[in-house]
Amino acid sequence: MTSKATRTDRLLCCLLLLVLATGCSTPARQPVTTWEGTAAHVLLEYRGEALAVYASGDFNDWTPQRSPFQRMGGDRWELTLNLAPGEYRYLLAVETRDDWSLHLDPANPLRGEDGGGRALSLLRVGNGNSVDD
């Protein structure tokens, strides 16, 4: 027979494990730009359950199929864009079992707008002359 304290301890351990299992997903990192000569390689990362993930923006004429993310394992997806210096507005197109939808990039805090005031994610690619680019 178990004591009341032992049952309470087991319940607390189960709750702790549940919180750890559901609340500790590693967030996606912000876009990272690397340079090869004058070419910028911008790495985007998405974390979430999906069948497919695409980027749709100024850099691909808003055609998501031109910029598919690659599944890196589990719920982690990556896409490397080769971009010239400039500003690029974009959204993520996420396909799930039931539907697909457009989202702001949760890993990128930079925001812009379209002509109608709709919020868009924003990439700023510098000219490669400073460490901030």
Protein backbone atom coordinates (compact mmCIF):
# COMPACT_ATOMS: atom_id res chain seq x y z
CA MET A 1 0.00 0.00 0.00
CA THR A 2 1.36 3.42 -0.89
CA SER A 3 1.25 6.39 1.38
CA LYS A 4 -0.47 9.64 0.48
CA ALA A 5 2.93 11.39 0.26
CA THR A 6 4.25 8.80 -2.22
CA ARG A 7 1.20 9.18 -4.46
CA THR A 8 1.57 12.96 -4.36
CA ASP A 9 5.26 12.65 -5.26
CA ARG A 10 4.41 10.40 -8.21
CA LEU A 11 1.74 12.81 -9.40
CA LEU A 12 4.15 15.74 -9.20
CA CYS A 13 6.80 13.77 -11.11
CA CYS A 14 4.28 12.90 -13.83
CA LEU A 15 3.23 16.55 -14.13
CA LEU A 16 6.86 17.66 -14.30
CA LEU A 17 7.61 15.14 -17.05
CA LEU A 18 4.54 16.29 -18.99
CA VAL A 19 5.63 19.94 -18.76
CA LEU A 20 9.18 19.07 -19.81
CA ALA A 21 8.00 16.94 -22.72
CA THR A 22 5.60 19.53 -24.13
CA GLY A 23 7.15 22.86 -23.18
CA CYS A 24 10.83 22.50 -23.97
CA SER A 25 10.91 22.49 -27.73
CA THR A 26 13.96 24.36 -28.97
CA PRO A 27 12.84 27.51 -30.76
CA ALA A 28 13.95 28.14 -34.32
CA ARG A 29 16.91 30.46 -34.62
CA GLN A 30 16.78 33.84 -36.31
CA PRO A 31 17.86 34.05 -39.96
CA VAL A 32 21.64 33.72 -40.35
CA THR A 33 23.53 35.34 -43.25
CA THR A 34 26.90 34.07 -44.47
CA TRP A 35 28.90 35.41 -47.40
CA GLU A 36 30.75 33.77 -50.27
CA GLY A 37 32.32 36.58 -52.26
CA THR A 38 29.44 38.94 -53.03
CA ALA A 39 26.74 36.27 -52.63
CA ALA A 40 24.70 36.20 -49.43
CA HIS A 41 23.41 32.86 -48.17
CA VAL A 42 20.51 33.39 -45.76
CA LEU A 43 19.52 30.41 -43.62
CA LEU A 44 15.88 30.30 -42.48
CA GLU A 45 14.73 27.79 -39.90
CA TYR A 46 11.20 26.73 -39.00
CA ARG A 47 10.14 24.48 -36.14
CA GLY A 48 6.72 22.90 -36.14
CA GLU A 49 4.70 19.95 -37.31
CA ALA A 50 4.11 20.13 -41.06
CA LEU A 51 3.97 18.06 -44.21
CA ALA A 52 5.83 20.79 -46.12
CA VAL A 53 7.10 24.32 -45.51
CA TYR A 54 7.84 26.97 -48.15
CA ALA A 55 8.99 30.59 -48.19
CA SER A 56 6.96 32.96 -50.33
CA GLY A 57 8.25 36.48 -50.89
CA ASP A 58 9.84 39.20 -52.96
CA PHE A 59 12.82 36.92 -53.67
CA ASN A 60 10.71 34.34 -55.59
CA ASP A 61 7.85 36.43 -57.02
CA TRP A 62 5.62 35.18 -54.18
CA THR A 63 5.71 31.63 -55.59
CA PRO A 64 6.18 29.30 -52.59
CA GLN A 65 7.02 26.21 -54.67
CA ARG A 66 10.28 27.90 -55.73
CA SER A 67 11.59 27.93 -52.14
CA PRO A 68 10.83 24.66 -50.31
CA PHE A 69 12.32 24.01 -46.88
CA GLN A 70 14.10 20.70 -46.24
CA ARG A 71 13.07 18.59 -43.24
CA MET A 72 16.12 18.24 -41.00
CA GLY A 73 14.54 15.75 -38.63
CA GLY A 74 11.60 15.83 -36.28
CA ASP A 75 9.86 19.19 -36.51
CA ARG A 76 12.93 21.14 -37.75
CA TRP A 77 12.99 22.60 -41.28
CA GLU A 78 15.69 24.66 -43.05
CA LEU A 79 15.98 26.71 -46.23
CA THR A 80 19.03 28.53 -47.59
CA LEU A 81 18.27 31.48 -49.86
CA ASN A 82 20.92 33.01 -52.13
CA LEU A 83 20.12 36.73 -52.12
CA ALA A 84 21.64 39.96 -53.38
CA PRO A 85 21.86 42.86 -50.91
CA GLY A 86 18.48 44.48 -50.28
CA GLU A 87 15.24 44.14 -48.33
CA TYR A 88 12.92 41.21 -48.85
CA ARG A 89 9.38 40.76 -47.53
CA TYR A 90 8.12 37.21 -47.09
CA LEU A 91 5.76 34.79 -45.37
CA LEU A 92 6.02 31.10 -44.58
CA ALA A 93 3.55 28.75 -46.29
CA VAL A 94 2.98 25.77 -43.99
CA GLU A 95 1.17 22.68 -45.23
CA THR A 96 -0.43 20.39 -42.66
CA ARG A 97 -2.56 17.28 -43.02
CA ASP A 98 -5.76 19.32 -43.12
CA ASP A 99 -4.80 22.56 -44.84
CA TRP A 100 -2.07 25.07 -45.61
CA SER A 101 -1.69 28.59 -44.27
CA LEU A 102 0.57 31.63 -44.47
CA HIS A 103 2.45 32.74 -41.35
CA LEU A 104 4.89 35.39 -40.25
CA ASP A 105 8.29 33.83 -39.57
CA PRO A 106 8.20 33.27 -35.78
CA ALA A 107 12.01 33.18 -35.61
CA ASN A 108 12.45 36.56 -37.30
CA PRO A 109 11.47 39.65 -35.27
CA LEU A 110 11.84 42.03 -38.25
CA ARG A 111 8.51 43.07 -39.77
CA GLY A 112 7.41 45.02 -42.81
CA GLU A 113 4.08 45.57 -44.53
CA ASP A 114 2.53 45.13 -47.92
CA GLY A 115 0.71 48.02 -49.62
CA GLY A 116 -2.51 47.19 -47.76
CA GLY A 117 -1.02 47.21 -44.25
CA ARG A 118 -0.67 43.42 -43.92
CA ALA A 119 2.25 42.42 -41.69
CA LEU A 120 5.07 40.52 -43.39
CA SER A 121 8.39 39.13 -42.21
CA LEU A 122 11.37 41.17 -43.40
CA LEU A 123 14.92 40.16 -44.35
CA ARG A 124 17.60 42.84 -44.63
CA VAL A 125 20.67 41.68 -46.50
CA GLY A 126 23.56 44.14 -46.28
CA ASN A 127 26.48 44.46 -48.65
CA GLY A 128 28.80 42.13 -46.77
CA ASN A 129 31.16 44.87 -45.59
CA SER A 130 30.38 44.66 -41.87
CA VAL A 131 30.06 41.94 -39.28
CA ASP A 132 26.35 42.79 -38.89
CA ASP A 133 25.51 41.83 -42.49
